[in-house]
Amino acid sequence: MRAPINIDLDYVMKAFVGIASPVLGVITSYQEQIEWHLRVASLVVGLAVGVMSLVSMLKKLRRR
């Protein structure tokens, strides 16, 4: 039989902080590029919603 797994919470927290710190550093250094991509993505989504609304309105007008 296997022995039960004993997870040391202190070790897990140190590992989590050790992984999260460099990730936050990378995100901070690339913040400007990430913001630019988010702005472009939101613009594309907004344009797609606008086009879909326009198509829906035109279909309703043609039915009348």
N, C-alpha and C. Protein backbone atom coordinates (compact mmCIF):
# COMPACT_ATOMS: atom_id res chain seq x y z
N MET A 1 0.82 -1.19 0.00
CA MET A 1 0.00 0.00 0.00
C MET A 1 0.86 1.25 0.00
N ARG A 2 0.34 2.24 -0.67
CA ARG A 2 1.05 3.52 -0.69
C ARG A 2 0.76 4.31 0.57
N ALA A 3 1.72 5.10 0.93
CA ALA A 3 1.52 6.01 2.05
C ALA A 3 0.69 7.20 1.56
N PRO A 4 -0.17 7.77 2.42
CA PRO A 4 -0.96 8.93 1.99
C PRO A 4 -0.05 10.10 1.64
N ILE A 5 -0.49 10.86 0.66
CA ILE A 5 0.30 12.00 0.22
C ILE A 5 0.14 13.13 1.23
N ASN A 6 1.25 13.63 1.71
CA ASN A 6 1.23 14.71 2.68
C ASN A 6 1.67 15.99 1.96
N ILE A 7 0.75 16.91 1.76
CA ILE A 7 1.04 18.15 1.05
C ILE A 7 1.38 19.23 2.08
N ASP A 8 2.54 19.78 1.93
CA ASP A 8 2.99 20.85 2.84
C ASP A 8 2.46 22.18 2.29
N LEU A 9 1.55 22.80 3.00
CA LEU A 9 0.91 24.03 2.53
C LEU A 9 1.91 25.16 2.39
N ASP A 10 2.87 25.24 3.27
CA ASP A 10 3.88 26.29 3.19
C ASP A 10 4.70 26.14 1.91
N TYR A 11 5.04 24.90 1.57
CA TYR A 11 5.81 24.64 0.35
C TYR A 11 5.00 25.02 -0.89
N VAL A 12 3.71 24.69 -0.87
CA VAL A 12 2.83 25.02 -2.01
C VAL A 12 2.72 26.53 -2.17
N MET A 13 2.57 27.26 -1.08
CA MET A 13 2.46 28.72 -1.16
C MET A 13 3.74 29.35 -1.69
N LYS A 14 4.89 28.83 -1.25
CA LYS A 14 6.16 29.35 -1.76
C LYS A 14 6.31 29.06 -3.24
N ALA A 15 5.87 27.88 -3.67
CA ALA A 15 5.93 27.53 -5.09
C ALA A 15 5.02 28.44 -5.91
N PHE A 16 3.83 28.70 -5.38
CA PHE A 16 2.89 29.57 -6.08
C PHE A 16 3.45 30.98 -6.23
N VAL A 17 4.00 31.52 -5.17
CA VAL A 17 4.60 32.87 -5.22
C VAL A 17 5.81 32.86 -6.16
N GLY A 18 6.59 31.80 -6.13
CA GLY A 18 7.75 31.71 -7.01
C GLY A 18 7.38 31.64 -8.48
N ILE A 19 6.23 31.07 -8.80
CA ILE A 19 5.76 31.02 -10.19
C ILE A 19 5.08 32.32 -10.58
N ALA A 20 4.28 32.89 -9.66
CA ALA A 20 3.49 34.08 -9.98
C ALA A 20 4.36 35.32 -10.15
N SER A 21 5.45 35.43 -9.42
CA SER A 21 6.28 36.63 -9.48
C SER A 21 6.87 36.87 -10.88
N PRO A 22 7.52 35.90 -11.50
CA PRO A 22 8.03 36.14 -12.85
C PRO A 22 6.93 36.38 -13.88
N VAL A 23 5.80 35.70 -13.70
CA VAL A 23 4.68 35.90 -14.64
C VAL A 23 4.18 37.34 -14.55
N LEU A 24 4.04 37.87 -13.35
CA LEU A 24 3.63 39.27 -13.19
C LEU A 24 4.67 40.23 -13.76
N GLY A 25 5.94 39.88 -13.64
CA GLY A 25 7.00 40.70 -14.23
C GLY A 25 6.90 40.75 -15.74
N VAL A 26 6.64 39.61 -16.35
CA VAL A 26 6.50 39.57 -17.81
C VAL A 26 5.27 40.36 -18.25
N ILE A 27 4.17 40.19 -17.54
CA ILE A 27 2.95 40.93 -17.89
C ILE A 27 3.18 42.43 -17.76
N THR A 28 3.88 42.85 -16.73
CA THR A 28 4.16 44.26 -16.53
C THR A 28 5.05 44.81 -17.63
N SER A 29 6.04 44.05 -18.06
CA SER A 29 6.94 44.55 -19.09
C SER A 29 6.27 44.61 -20.46
N TYR A 30 5.29 43.73 -20.70
CA TYR A 30 4.59 43.73 -21.99
C TYR A 30 3.22 44.40 -21.89
N GLN A 31 3.01 45.21 -20.90
CA GLN A 31 1.70 45.80 -20.66
C GLN A 31 1.22 46.64 -21.84
N GLU A 32 2.10 47.40 -22.44
CA GLU A 32 1.70 48.26 -23.55
C GLU A 32 1.23 47.43 -24.75
N GLN A 33 1.96 46.36 -25.07
CA GLN A 33 1.57 45.52 -26.19
C GLN A 33 0.28 44.77 -25.90
N ILE A 34 0.11 44.31 -24.66
CA ILE A 34 -1.12 43.61 -24.30
C ILE A 34 -2.31 44.56 -24.39
N GLU A 35 -2.13 45.79 -23.94
CA GLU A 35 -3.21 46.78 -24.01
C GLU A 35 -3.59 47.05 -25.47
N TRP A 36 -2.60 47.13 -26.34
CA TRP A 36 -2.87 47.38 -27.76
C TRP A 36 -3.68 46.24 -28.35
N HIS A 37 -3.32 45.01 -28.03
CA HIS A 37 -4.06 43.86 -28.55
C HIS A 37 -5.49 43.83 -28.01
N LEU A 38 -5.66 44.18 -26.75
CA LEU A 38 -7.00 44.20 -26.18
C LEU A 38 -7.87 45.27 -26.84
N ARG A 39 -7.27 46.42 -27.13
CA ARG A 39 -8.04 47.48 -27.80
C ARG A 39 -8.46 47.06 -29.20
N VAL A 40 -7.54 46.44 -29.93
CA VAL A 40 -7.87 45.99 -31.29
C VAL A 40 -8.94 44.90 -31.23
N ALA A 41 -8.81 43.97 -30.28
CA ALA A 41 -9.79 42.89 -30.15
C ALA A 41 -11.17 43.45 -29.82
N SER A 42 -11.24 44.44 -28.93
CA SER A 42 -12.54 45.02 -28.59
C SER A 42 -13.13 45.77 -29.79
N LEU A 43 -12.29 46.41 -30.57
CA LEU A 43 -12.77 47.09 -31.78
C LEU A 43 -13.33 46.09 -32.78
N VAL A 44 -12.65 44.98 -32.96
CA VAL A 44 -13.12 43.95 -33.89
C VAL A 44 -14.45 43.37 -33.42
N VAL A 45 -14.57 43.10 -32.12
CA VAL A 45 -15.83 42.57 -31.59
C VAL A 45 -16.95 43.60 -31.76
N GLY A 46 -16.67 44.86 -31.50
CA GLY A 46 -17.68 45.91 -31.68
C GLY A 46 -18.12 46.04 -33.12
N LEU A 47 -17.18 45.97 -34.05
CA LEU A 47 -17.54 46.02 -35.47
C LEU A 47 -18.37 44.81 -35.88
N ALA A 48 -18.02 43.64 -35.36
CA ALA A 48 -18.79 42.43 -35.69
C ALA A 48 -20.22 42.54 -35.18
N VAL A 49 -20.39 43.04 -33.97
CA VAL A 49 -21.74 43.22 -33.42
C VAL A 49 -22.52 44.23 -34.24
N GLY A 50 -21.87 45.31 -34.65
CA GLY A 50 -22.53 46.32 -35.47
C GLY A 50 -22.97 45.77 -36.82
N VAL A 51 -22.11 44.98 -37.45
CA VAL A 51 -22.46 44.39 -38.75
C VAL A 51 -23.61 43.40 -38.59
N MET A 52 -23.57 42.59 -37.53
CA MET A 52 -24.65 41.64 -37.31
C MET A 52 -25.97 42.35 -37.04
N SER A 53 -25.93 43.45 -36.32
CA SER A 53 -27.15 44.23 -36.07
C SER A 53 -27.69 44.83 -37.35
N LEU A 54 -26.80 45.34 -38.18
CA LEU A 54 -27.21 45.91 -39.46
C LEU A 54 -27.85 44.86 -40.36
N VAL A 55 -27.25 43.69 -40.43
CA VAL A 55 -27.81 42.61 -41.26
C VAL A 55 -29.19 42.21 -40.73
N SER A 56 -29.32 42.12 -39.43
CA SER A 56 -30.61 41.77 -38.84
C SER A 56 -31.67 42.82 -39.16
N MET A 57 -31.30 44.09 -39.07
CA MET A 57 -32.25 45.16 -39.38
C MET A 57 -32.65 45.13 -40.85
N LEU A 58 -31.69 44.87 -41.74
CA LEU A 58 -32.01 44.82 -43.16
C LEU A 58 -32.92 43.64 -43.49
N LYS A 59 -32.72 42.50 -42.83
CA LYS A 59 -33.60 41.34 -43.05
C LYS A 59 -35.02 41.66 -42.61
N LYS A 60 -35.17 42.37 -41.49
CA LYS A 60 -36.50 42.72 -41.01
C LYS A 60 -37.20 43.69 -41.96
N LEU A 61 -36.42 44.63 -42.54
CA LEU A 61 -37.00 45.59 -43.47
C LEU A 61 -37.44 44.91 -44.76
N ARG A 62 -36.71 43.91 -45.21
CA ARG A 62 -37.07 43.21 -46.45
C ARG A 62 -38.33 42.37 -46.29
N ARG A 63 -38.61 41.89 -45.08
CA ARG A 63 -39.79 41.07 -44.84
C ARG A 63 -41.08 41.87 -44.96
N ARG A 64 -41.02 43.15 -44.72
CA ARG A 64 -42.24 43.98 -44.75
C ARG A 64 -42.72 44.23 -46.12
